[in-house]
Protein backbone atom coordinates (compact mmCIF):
# COMPACT_ATOMS: atom_id res chain seq x y z
CA MET A 1 -33.05 35.99 31.58
CA LEU A 2 -33.07 35.94 27.82
CA CYS A 3 -29.44 37.06 27.66
CA GLU A 4 -28.39 33.95 29.49
CA LYS A 5 -30.41 31.69 27.24
CA VAL A 6 -29.13 33.43 24.16
CA GLN A 7 -25.40 33.20 25.35
CA ALA A 8 -25.93 29.53 26.28
CA LEU A 9 -27.00 28.85 22.64
CA LEU A 10 -24.31 30.81 20.97
CA PRO A 11 -21.59 28.16 21.03
CA GLN A 12 -23.79 25.73 19.14
CA SER A 13 -24.66 28.24 16.55
CA GLN A 14 -21.09 29.45 16.25
CA GLY A 15 -22.15 33.03 17.04
CA SER A 16 -24.51 33.14 14.03
CA PRO A 17 -28.20 34.21 14.60
CA GLU A 18 -29.29 31.71 11.86
CA GLY A 19 -28.78 28.84 14.29
CA LEU A 20 -31.00 30.35 17.02
CA PRO A 21 -34.77 30.12 17.60
CA ALA A 22 -36.74 33.29 16.35
CA LYS A 23 -37.17 34.77 19.80
CA GLU A 24 -33.44 34.57 20.66
CA ALA A 25 -32.39 35.62 17.17
CA ALA A 26 -34.56 38.77 17.61
CA HIS A 27 -33.07 39.41 21.05
CA LEU A 28 -29.56 39.01 19.61
CA GLY A 29 -30.30 41.74 16.99
CA SER A 30 -31.13 44.22 19.80
CA CYS A 31 -28.85 43.27 22.61
CA LEU A 32 -25.28 44.78 22.47
CA GLN A 33 -24.01 42.43 25.18
CA CYS A 34 -25.24 39.37 23.37
CA GLN A 35 -23.85 40.64 20.09
CA VAL A 36 -20.37 40.95 21.75
CA HIS A 37 -20.64 37.36 22.82
CA ALA A 38 -21.82 36.23 19.30
CA SER A 39 -18.96 38.17 17.70
CA GLN A 40 -16.46 36.41 19.98
CA TYR A 41 -17.86 32.94 19.18
CA ALA A 42 -17.95 33.78 15.37
CA SER A 43 -14.30 34.84 15.66
CA ILE A 44 -13.29 31.62 17.43
CA ALA A 45 -15.31 29.41 14.87
CA SER A 46 -13.60 31.33 11.99
CA SER A 47 -10.16 30.97 13.44
CA LEU A 48 -10.70 27.11 14.03
CA ALA A 49 -11.95 26.68 10.40
CA SER A 50 -8.99 28.44 8.91
CA MET A 51 -6.58 26.24 10.97
CA ARG A 52 -8.21 22.97 9.90
CA HIS A 53 -5.65 22.31 7.18
CA GLN A 54 -2.65 23.96 8.85
CA VAL A 55 0.11 21.87 10.44
CA ALA A 56 1.79 23.21 13.57
CA PRO A 57 5.55 22.70 13.61
CA ILE A 58 6.82 20.49 16.36
CA ASP A 59 10.40 20.76 17.94
CA GLU A 60 12.05 17.51 17.20
CA ALA A 61 14.25 17.58 20.30
CA HIS A 62 11.11 18.08 22.41
CA LEU A 63 9.35 15.18 20.70
CA ALA A 64 12.33 12.97 21.17
CA SER A 65 12.48 13.69 24.96
CA VAL A 66 8.77 13.08 25.36
CA LEU A 67 8.97 9.77 23.49
CA GLU A 68 12.00 8.72 25.55
CA GLU A 69 10.05 9.49 28.76
CA TYR A 70 7.14 7.32 27.58
CA GLU A 71 9.44 4.49 26.62
CA THR A 72 11.05 4.70 30.10
CA LEU A 73 7.58 4.55 31.63
CA ALA A 74 6.64 1.53 29.49
CA ASP A 75 9.86 -0.22 30.81
CA VAL A 76 8.89 0.42 34.43
CA ILE A 77 5.42 -1.01 34.07
CA PRO A 78 5.61 -4.79 34.38
CA LEU A 79 3.55 -6.48 31.84
CA ASN A 80 3.01 -10.23 31.02
CA PRO A 81 5.55 -11.09 28.21
CA ARG A 82 2.61 -12.56 26.17
CA ARG A 83 1.21 -9.06 25.97
CA ARG A 84 4.11 -7.42 24.03
CA ARG A 85 1.58 -6.14 21.43
CA LEU A 86 -0.50 -4.39 24.18
CA ARG A 87 2.80 -2.94 25.59
CA LYS A 88 3.63 -1.55 22.14
CA ALA A 89 0.16 -0.16 21.66
CA ILE A 90 0.21 1.61 25.03
CA SER A 91 3.62 3.12 24.17
CA THR A 92 2.35 4.23 20.68
CA GLY A 93 -0.84 5.62 22.23
CA ARG A 94 1.07 7.65 24.83
CA ALA A 95 3.39 8.94 22.09
CA VAL A 96 0.35 10.01 19.97
CA THR A 97 -1.18 11.63 22.95
CA ALA A 98 2.12 13.56 23.61
CA VAL A 99 2.35 14.72 20.09
CA THR A 100 -1.24 15.87 20.03
CA ALA A 101 -0.86 17.68 23.37
CA ALA A 102 2.34 19.54 22.01
CA ALA A 103 0.48 20.49 18.79
CA ALA A 104 -2.52 21.68 20.72
CA THR A 105 -0.17 23.73 23.06
CA VAL A 106 1.38 25.37 19.96
CA VAL A 107 -2.02 26.16 18.47
CA ALA A 108 -3.30 27.52 21.87
CA VAL A 109 -0.32 29.68 22.28
CA LYS A 110 -0.63 30.99 18.80
CA LEU A 111 -4.32 31.75 19.25
CA LEU A 112 -3.68 33.48 22.54
CA THR A 113 -0.91 35.62 21.11
CA LYS A 114 -2.79 36.07 17.88
CA GLN A 115 0.12 34.93 15.66
CA ARG A 116 -0.55 33.22 12.31
CA LEU A 117 0.25 29.64 12.10
CA ALA A 118 2.75 28.49 9.45
CA SER A 119 1.11 27.27 6.22
């Protein structure tokens, strides 16, 4: 069906008919169901674009507990003493992953509850 094809193309076009081939753009202009999907994608793209320069606050106590947990894991994993730099890099990478996951969680919760992020 044409609806399925249009809806599959909408994420790439961010809900805009300009990013679609002519036949699919014409269908989007006449199909209410596809217009709803396009509106949702456009809203998501707009929200993500507005958050590009916003910083999500991170709870310092939670961050400290996550970093402590990763340091504990790094101590448990036996590594060759000559690979201390690798061990430090692994710990740093895990910490960065934890901070990124925490920030992504905050953003997702804010989006789901439709709260504004702090500027």
